[in-house]
Amino acid sequence: MPKTANKPNNKSNKKPSHRFVINCKLPLEDNVIVLSDFESFLKNRIKVEGKTGNLAGAVTVAKDKDTLVVSASIPFSKRYVKYLTKKYLKKQDLREFLKVVATSKNVYEIRYLTVADDGAEDDE
C-alpha cells in the first residue's frame, strides 16, 4: 500500500495576492499623461465578477510618486493590466507615441516609441 501523508493543503487556504506596478515616469516628466486621471480610469474600468467599478476591496489602485500600483486579492491577470493601460493610451490618443513594456515579472513601463530615421534628409 502506498503511504499517504496527511498534510494540510496550503494552496487552498491561501488567497492569491497579485501586485502589479505601472511605471509612468517618462510621460509624467513631459506632462503627457496625468497620473490621477489614469488612476481613476483604472478604478472605473477594472472588472470584478463581470462588473466594472465593482472593486469591493478585492482590487486596489494606488499611486506613488510616478507609478501606479494595482493590488488584487482575487485571481488577476497581468495581461489585463496591460490591456487597460493600452486602452487608456488609445483614449488619450497617445498610442502612436507611447508603448507599454514589461520590464520585470510584475512591472510595466510606459515608454516612447523610437522612430527610425531612414535618411529622408540627404544633404549630398
Protein backbone atom coordinates (compact mmCIF):
# COMPACT_ATOMS: atom_id res chain seq x y z
CA MET A 1 0.00 0.00 0.00
CA PRO A 2 1.30 3.47 -0.83
CA LYS A 3 1.79 5.83 2.02
CA THR A 4 -0.40 8.88 2.07
CA ALA A 5 0.64 11.87 4.05
CA ASN A 6 -1.99 13.76 5.97
CA LYS A 7 -0.59 17.20 5.23
CA PRO A 8 -2.88 20.19 5.05
CA ASN A 9 -3.31 21.63 1.60
CA ASN A 10 -1.74 25.08 1.87
CA LYS A 11 -2.78 26.17 -1.62
CA SER A 12 -6.50 26.04 -0.91
CA ASN A 13 -6.16 28.01 2.32
CA LYS A 14 -4.06 30.80 0.81
CA LYS A 15 -5.69 33.70 -1.01
CA PRO A 16 -3.92 34.74 -4.20
CA SER A 17 -2.35 38.15 -3.96
CA HIS A 18 -1.12 39.95 -7.03
CA ARG A 19 0.74 43.25 -7.16
CA PHE A 20 1.41 44.94 -10.47
CA VAL A 21 3.33 48.19 -10.94
CA ILE A 22 2.94 50.56 -13.89
CA ASN A 23 5.89 52.92 -14.16
CA CYS A 24 4.84 56.19 -15.84
CA LYS A 25 7.99 58.21 -15.15
CA LEU A 26 8.91 59.32 -18.69
CA PRO A 27 5.44 60.56 -19.81
CA LEU A 28 4.90 62.26 -16.45
CA GLU A 29 8.15 64.21 -16.73
CA ASP A 30 6.99 65.58 -20.09
CA ASN A 31 3.42 66.21 -18.84
CA VAL A 32 1.99 63.88 -21.47
CA ILE A 33 -0.31 61.96 -19.12
CA VAL A 34 -1.96 62.82 -15.81
CA LEU A 35 -1.47 60.13 -13.17
CA SER A 36 -4.66 60.87 -11.23
CA ASP A 37 -6.68 60.63 -14.46
CA PHE A 38 -5.04 57.29 -15.26
CA GLU A 39 -5.78 56.06 -11.72
CA SER A 40 -9.46 56.96 -11.96
CA PHE A 41 -9.66 55.32 -15.41
CA LEU A 42 -8.34 52.05 -13.95
CA LYS A 43 -10.71 52.23 -10.98
CA ASN A 44 -13.68 52.71 -13.29
CA ARG A 45 -12.70 50.10 -15.88
CA ILE A 46 -11.40 47.13 -13.86
CA LYS A 47 -13.97 44.35 -13.87
CA VAL A 48 -14.57 42.19 -10.81
CA GLU A 49 -17.08 39.36 -11.23
CA GLY A 50 -18.10 40.75 -14.62
CA LYS A 51 -18.99 44.24 -13.42
CA THR A 52 -16.99 47.42 -13.95
CA GLY A 53 -16.37 49.70 -10.99
CA ASN A 54 -17.05 46.80 -8.60
CA LEU A 55 -13.65 46.74 -6.88
CA ALA A 56 -15.19 45.99 -3.47
CA GLY A 57 -11.87 45.80 -1.66
CA ALA A 58 -10.69 42.91 -3.83
CA VAL A 59 -8.67 45.21 -6.08
CA THR A 60 -6.91 48.42 -5.05
CA VAL A 61 -5.34 51.01 -7.30
CA ALA A 62 -2.88 53.36 -5.62
CA LYS A 63 -0.46 55.92 -6.95
CA ASP A 64 3.03 56.60 -5.76
CA LYS A 65 5.26 59.42 -6.94
CA ASP A 66 5.41 58.35 -10.59
CA THR A 67 3.93 54.84 -10.56
CA LEU A 68 0.57 53.16 -10.22
CA VAL A 69 0.24 50.03 -8.10
CA VAL A 70 -2.60 47.59 -8.77
CA SER A 71 -3.04 45.07 -5.94
CA ALA A 72 -5.57 42.25 -6.07
CA SER A 73 -6.62 39.59 -3.59
CA ILE A 74 -8.51 37.68 -6.30
CA PRO A 75 -7.16 35.91 -9.38
CA PHE A 76 -5.96 38.75 -11.59
CA SER A 77 -4.10 38.77 -14.88
CA LYS A 78 -1.02 40.82 -15.69
CA ARG A 79 -2.20 40.85 -19.28
CA TYR A 80 -5.43 42.57 -18.17
CA VAL A 81 -3.42 45.41 -16.62
CA LYS A 82 -1.54 45.85 -19.91
CA TYR A 83 -4.81 45.76 -21.85
CA LEU A 84 -6.33 48.52 -19.71
CA THR A 85 -3.16 50.61 -19.94
CA LYS A 86 -3.21 50.38 -23.73
CA LYS A 87 -6.91 51.24 -23.72
CA TYR A 88 -6.18 54.38 -21.68
CA LEU A 89 -3.43 55.42 -24.08
CA LYS A 90 -5.79 54.91 -27.02
CA LYS A 91 -8.47 57.01 -25.33
CA GLN A 92 -5.96 59.84 -24.84
CA ASP A 93 -4.73 59.46 -28.47
CA LEU A 94 -1.25 58.55 -27.26
CA ARG A 95 -0.97 55.01 -28.67
CA GLU A 96 1.00 56.34 -31.64
CA PHE A 97 3.70 57.77 -29.37
CA LEU A 98 3.81 55.52 -26.29
CA LYS A 99 4.09 51.79 -25.72
CA VAL A 100 3.71 49.50 -22.72
CA VAL A 101 6.72 47.28 -22.00
CA ALA A 102 7.20 44.63 -19.31
CA THR A 103 10.48 45.36 -17.53
CA SER A 104 10.24 42.56 -14.96
CA LYS A 105 7.79 39.94 -13.78
CA ASN A 106 5.22 42.28 -12.23
CA VAL A 107 6.30 45.66 -13.61
CA TYR A 108 5.17 47.50 -16.73
CA GLU A 109 6.76 50.68 -18.01
CA ILE A 110 5.29 53.23 -20.39
CA ARG A 111 7.95 54.27 -22.91
CA TYR A 112 8.15 56.41 -26.00
CA LEU A 113 8.21 54.69 -29.36
CA THR A 114 11.51 55.05 -31.17
CA VAL A 115 11.16 56.30 -34.70
CA ALA A 116 13.97 55.25 -37.02
CA ASP A 117 15.08 57.97 -39.41
CA ASP A 118 15.56 56.39 -42.85
CA GLY A 119 17.79 59.19 -44.05
CA ALA A 120 15.00 61.13 -45.73
CA GLU A 121 17.05 64.29 -45.39
CA ASP A 122 20.13 63.70 -47.53
CA ASP A 123 22.37 66.75 -47.71
CA GLU A 124 24.54 65.42 -50.52
